[in-house]
Amino acid sequence: MSVRGAYRGGSLGGFDGPLAPAVGAARWTGRSGRPAGAGVPGGSRRAEHWLVHADAPPYPLPVRRWHGPPEPAVGPVVARCLGPTIDLGCGPGRLTAVLARRGVVALGVDISARAVRLTRARGAAAVRRDIFAPLPGTGRWAHALLVDGNIGIGGDPVALLRRCAALLAPGGSVLAELEPPGTGLWQGLAHVVSIGPDRRPCRGPAFRWARVGVEAVEHPAAGAGLRVAELLRSGDRWFAELVRR
């Protein structure tokens, strides 16, 4: 997942996924030792990171996955990137790097300086930039990737998809990961809670976020001048390919 530009603070416990800038430095000091009503587990000694918002259970953030190689579920999505691809909210760059190794022109974009360094260390190109700021190759990308929940960036899927559309060349597509059926469209405030080996929660500041279920993607896509060309299920994950109307 990613919240590019929502917060430019530090990270905790090697957190370098799409939501890294949202992890703040302030300790949460509630009596229960966890965010009120969140029910964040605390049994493991490994660092944990959770996306929390008021009207749903906490959502575990798969940080170890982001630092590893591309998982099989994203293979069919990456395989659709046959031309220049911009990976928005690239995190440590696992997808940007695999595209580069395949010979595809690829650029990772992330607001986290450490994420950009990690992407470059994998041999891929990356820039530290807010995705709503001017970006290289605007209007010339064949594909824009919004994987790992990055369709939630900024809390306004219409504005985000409109931005993606502006980055594309004619005939280009947005490849976006969606939430499972039944999620609907959620927009509001969220925050990240990180729990280090000492089991003391660290709560980041609130930021605007969104979640888009498979059944809800058509409305924000249409608002951005895009249409759903195809829905793809890969394992237990869902993706959409969006093209201009």
Protein backbone atom coordinates (compact mmCIF):
# COMPACT_ATOMS: atom_id res chain seq x y z
CA MET A 1 0.00 0.00 0.00
CA SER A 2 1.10 3.90 -0.38
CA VAL A 3 0.24 7.37 0.83
CA ARG A 4 2.74 9.40 -1.14
CA GLY A 5 2.98 12.92 0.13
CA ALA A 6 0.74 12.48 3.17
CA TYR A 7 3.63 12.56 5.62
CA ARG A 8 7.38 12.93 5.19
CA GLY A 9 8.47 11.57 8.56
CA GLY A 10 10.80 8.74 9.50
CA SER A 11 10.29 4.99 9.48
CA LEU A 12 10.38 2.26 12.09
CA GLY A 13 11.83 -1.22 11.99
CA GLY A 14 12.84 -1.15 8.31
CA PHE A 15 9.36 -0.20 7.13
CA ASP A 16 9.75 0.66 3.45
CA GLY A 17 6.50 -0.31 1.81
CA PRO A 18 4.03 1.94 0.08
CA LEU A 19 2.93 3.51 3.37
CA ALA A 20 6.42 4.21 4.72
CA PRO A 21 6.04 8.01 4.87
CA ALA A 22 2.95 7.62 7.03
CA VAL A 23 4.81 5.94 9.88
CA GLY A 24 5.40 8.68 12.40
CA ALA A 25 7.81 8.96 15.30
CA ALA A 26 5.24 9.60 18.05
CA ARG A 27 4.67 6.79 20.57
CA TRP A 28 1.11 5.76 21.25
CA THR A 29 0.57 5.67 25.00
CA GLY A 30 -2.96 4.31 25.44
CA ARG A 31 -3.64 2.20 28.52
CA SER A 32 -4.12 -1.03 26.62
CA GLY A 33 -0.83 -0.72 24.72
CA ARG A 34 -2.60 -0.75 21.38
CA PRO A 35 -4.76 1.64 19.34
CA ALA A 36 -8.23 2.02 20.82
CA GLY A 37 -10.58 -0.47 19.20
CA ALA A 38 -7.96 -1.76 16.80
CA GLY A 39 -7.19 -5.13 18.38
CA VAL A 40 -3.67 -5.15 16.93
CA PRO A 41 -2.03 -8.50 17.71
CA GLY A 42 1.14 -8.51 19.76
CA GLY A 43 2.30 -12.10 20.03
CA SER A 44 5.22 -12.07 17.59
CA ARG A 45 8.68 -10.66 18.30
CA ARG A 46 8.98 -9.59 14.67
CA ALA A 47 8.20 -5.99 13.77
CA GLU A 48 4.61 -5.60 12.59
CA HIS A 49 2.85 -2.81 10.72
CA TRP A 50 -0.90 -2.26 10.55
CA LEU A 51 -3.16 0.07 8.62
CA VAL A 52 -5.89 1.25 10.98
CA HIS A 53 -9.08 3.21 10.36
CA ALA A 54 -12.07 3.73 12.59
CA ASP A 55 -14.75 1.66 10.89
CA ALA A 56 -12.94 -1.58 9.99
CA PRO A 57 -10.56 -4.10 11.55
CA PRO A 58 -6.83 -3.29 11.32
CA TYR A 59 -5.22 -4.40 8.07
CA PRO A 60 -1.78 -6.08 8.29
CA LEU A 61 0.79 -4.56 5.96
CA PRO A 62 2.95 -7.24 4.26
CA VAL A 63 6.29 -5.46 4.67
CA ARG A 64 8.40 -8.61 4.25
CA ARG A 65 6.65 -9.30 0.95
CA TRP A 66 7.48 -5.83 -0.35
CA HIS A 67 11.18 -6.44 0.37
CA GLY A 68 11.24 -9.83 -1.33
CA PRO A 69 11.06 -10.92 -4.96
CA PRO A 70 7.80 -10.53 -6.90
CA GLU A 71 5.27 -13.03 -5.62
CA PRO A 72 3.45 -15.35 -8.07
CA ALA A 73 0.18 -13.43 -7.73
CA VAL A 74 1.62 -10.34 -9.44
CA GLY A 75 3.17 -12.33 -12.29
CA PRO A 76 0.16 -12.02 -14.66
CA VAL A 77 0.03 -8.27 -14.00
CA VAL A 78 3.72 -7.66 -14.63
CA ALA A 79 3.49 -9.81 -17.77
CA ARG A 80 1.06 -7.25 -19.24
CA CYS A 81 3.71 -4.53 -19.08
CA LEU A 82 5.04 -4.78 -22.61
CA GLY A 83 6.11 -1.15 -22.96
CA PRO A 84 7.54 1.64 -20.81
CA THR A 85 6.06 1.32 -17.31
CA ILE A 86 5.93 3.72 -14.38
CA ASP A 87 5.56 2.04 -10.98
CA LEU A 88 3.77 4.51 -8.71
CA GLY A 89 4.51 4.04 -5.02
CA CYS A 90 7.21 1.51 -5.89
CA GLY A 91 8.41 0.93 -2.32
CA PRO A 92 11.62 -1.17 -2.33
CA GLY A 93 11.17 -1.71 -6.07
CA ARG A 94 10.53 -5.42 -6.51
CA LEU A 95 8.27 -4.86 -9.54
CA THR A 96 10.34 -2.06 -11.07
CA ALA A 97 13.42 -4.27 -10.85
CA VAL A 98 11.86 -7.35 -12.44
CA LEU A 99 10.62 -5.21 -15.35
CA ALA A 100 14.08 -3.72 -15.83
CA ARG A 101 15.65 -7.19 -15.83
CA ARG A 102 13.15 -8.19 -18.50
CA GLY A 103 14.36 -5.33 -20.69
CA VAL A 104 11.29 -3.12 -20.19
CA VAL A 105 11.90 0.59 -19.65
CA ALA A 106 10.68 1.07 -16.08
CA LEU A 107 10.75 3.86 -13.53
CA GLY A 108 9.86 3.59 -9.86
CA VAL A 109 8.39 6.61 -8.09
CA ASP A 110 8.31 6.91 -4.32
CA ILE A 111 8.41 9.71 -1.77
CA SER A 112 10.57 7.63 0.59
CA ALA A 113 14.28 8.27 0.09
CA ARG A 114 15.18 4.84 1.48
CA ALA A 115 12.72 3.11 -0.82
CA VAL A 116 14.30 4.86 -3.80
CA ARG A 117 17.77 3.78 -2.65
CA LEU A 118 16.60 0.18 -2.29
CA THR A 119 15.03 0.23 -5.75
CA ARG A 120 18.24 1.56 -7.28
CA ALA A 121 20.25 -1.05 -5.39
CA ARG A 122 18.22 -3.67 -7.25
CA GLY A 123 19.48 -2.19 -10.51
CA ALA A 124 16.31 -0.30 -11.42
CA ALA A 125 15.69 3.40 -12.04
CA ALA A 126 13.74 5.35 -9.44
CA VAL A 127 13.04 8.94 -8.49
CA ARG A 128 12.02 10.43 -5.17
CA ARG A 129 8.89 12.35 -6.02
CA ASP A 130 5.29 12.87 -5.00
CA ILE A 131 3.28 11.17 -7.74
CA PHE A 132 1.18 14.32 -8.18
CA ALA A 133 4.34 16.37 -8.85
CA PRO A 134 5.85 16.67 -12.35
CA LEU A 135 7.23 13.28 -13.43
CA PRO A 136 9.53 12.18 -16.25
CA GLY A 137 7.88 10.91 -19.42
CA THR A 138 4.44 12.37 -18.77
CA GLY A 139 2.15 11.40 -21.64
CA ARG A 140 4.53 8.71 -22.90
CA TRP A 141 4.13 5.73 -20.55
CA ALA A 142 2.52 2.56 -21.86
CA HIS A 143 1.51 1.40 -18.39
CA ALA A 144 1.10 2.84 -14.89
CA LEU A 145 1.22 0.39 -11.97
CA LEU A 146 -0.83 0.88 -8.78
CA VAL A 147 -0.12 -2.35 -6.91
CA ASP A 148 -0.24 -3.24 -3.18
CA GLY A 149 -3.22 -1.03 -2.48
CA ASN A 150 -1.69 2.09 -4.00
CA ILE A 151 -5.03 3.01 -5.53
CA GLY A 152 -5.68 4.43 -2.06
CA ILE A 153 -3.00 7.13 -2.34
CA GLY A 154 -4.37 10.52 -1.38
CA GLY A 155 -7.81 9.21 -0.44
CA ASP A 156 -9.37 10.20 -3.78
CA PRO A 157 -9.33 7.39 -6.38
CA VAL A 158 -10.82 9.63 -9.08
CA ALA A 159 -8.05 12.22 -8.72
CA LEU A 160 -5.39 9.52 -8.60
CA LEU A 161 -6.68 7.69 -11.67
CA ARG A 162 -6.99 10.99 -13.52
CA ARG A 163 -3.33 11.63 -12.70
CA CYS A 164 -2.42 8.16 -13.98
CA ALA A 165 -4.34 8.77 -17.21
CA ALA A 166 -2.34 11.94 -17.79
CA LEU A 167 0.89 9.96 -17.55
CA LEU A 168 -0.13 7.49 -20.27
CA ALA A 169 0.55 7.51 -23.97
CA PRO A 170 -2.42 6.92 -26.30
CA GLY A 171 -3.46 3.29 -25.92
CA GLY A 172 -1.80 2.98 -22.52
CA SER A 173 -3.32 1.35 -19.46
CA VAL A 174 -3.44 1.58 -15.69
CA LEU A 175 -2.90 -1.73 -13.91
CA ALA A 176 -4.40 -1.36 -10.46
CA GLU A 177 -4.76 -3.78 -7.57
CA LEU A 178 -8.21 -3.80 -5.99
CA GLU A 179 -9.74 -5.10 -2.78
CA PRO A 180 -11.78 -8.33 -2.82
CA PRO A 181 -15.48 -8.32 -3.73
CA GLY A 182 -17.66 -6.90 -1.00
CA THR A 183 -15.24 -4.16 0.02
CA GLY A 184 -17.04 -1.40 -1.84
CA LEU A 185 -15.54 2.08 -1.90
CA TRP A 186 -14.13 3.48 1.34
CA GLN A 187 -12.58 6.92 1.74
CA GLY A 188 -11.48 8.52 4.97
CA LEU A 189 -8.71 8.96 7.52
CA ALA A 190 -6.31 6.20 8.45
CA HIS A 191 -3.02 5.81 10.26
CA VAL A 192 -0.25 3.24 10.52
CA VAL A 193 0.66 1.51 13.76
CA SER A 194 4.08 -0.14 13.93
CA ILE A 195 5.04 -2.55 16.68
CA GLY A 196 8.75 -3.16 17.15
CA PRO A 197 10.48 -6.08 18.89
CA ASP A 198 9.90 -4.34 22.23
CA ARG A 199 6.15 -4.64 21.50
CA ARG A 200 5.59 -0.91 22.08
CA PRO A 201 3.22 0.52 19.44
CA CYS A 202 4.25 3.55 17.42
CA ARG A 203 1.33 5.38 15.85
CA GLY A 204 1.82 7.59 12.82
CA PRO A 205 -0.25 10.67 12.02
CA ALA A 206 -3.62 10.47 10.29
CA PHE A 207 -3.73 10.72 6.51
CA ARG A 208 -6.37 10.41 3.81
CA TRP A 209 -6.72 6.94 2.31
CA ALA A 210 -9.10 4.90 0.15
CA ARG A 211 -9.93 1.28 -0.52
CA VAL A 212 -11.60 0.22 -3.77
CA GLY A 213 -13.31 -3.15 -4.12
CA VAL A 214 -13.65 -5.00 -7.41
CA GLU A 215 -17.34 -4.16 -7.67
CA ALA A 216 -16.70 -0.46 -7.02
CA VAL A 217 -13.94 0.36 -9.50
CA GLU A 218 -16.12 1.38 -12.45
CA HIS A 219 -17.33 4.63 -10.86
CA PRO A 220 -13.91 6.15 -10.02
CA ALA A 221 -12.53 4.89 -13.32
CA ALA A 222 -15.32 6.62 -15.26
CA GLY A 223 -14.76 9.79 -13.25
CA ALA A 224 -11.16 9.76 -14.45
CA GLY A 225 -12.10 9.15 -18.09
CA LEU A 226 -11.15 5.47 -17.96
CA ARG A 227 -13.05 2.24 -18.45
CA VAL A 228 -12.48 -1.23 -17.07
CA ALA A 229 -11.01 -3.25 -19.91
CA GLU A 230 -10.53 -6.39 -17.84
CA LEU A 231 -10.72 -7.70 -14.29
CA LEU A 232 -8.13 -10.26 -13.30
CA ARG A 233 -8.04 -12.58 -10.31
CA SER A 234 -4.64 -14.03 -9.43
CA GLY A 235 -4.59 -16.25 -6.39
CA ASP A 236 -6.57 -14.43 -3.72
CA ARG A 237 -5.84 -10.99 -5.18
CA TRP A 238 -7.74 -8.86 -7.69
CA PHE A 239 -6.52 -6.46 -10.37
CA ALA A 240 -8.04 -4.30 -13.08
CA GLU A 241 -6.69 -3.01 -16.37
CA LEU A 242 -8.11 0.45 -17.08
CA VAL A 243 -7.91 2.19 -20.45
CA ARG A 244 -9.14 5.52 -21.75
CA ARG A 245 -12.79 5.72 -22.69
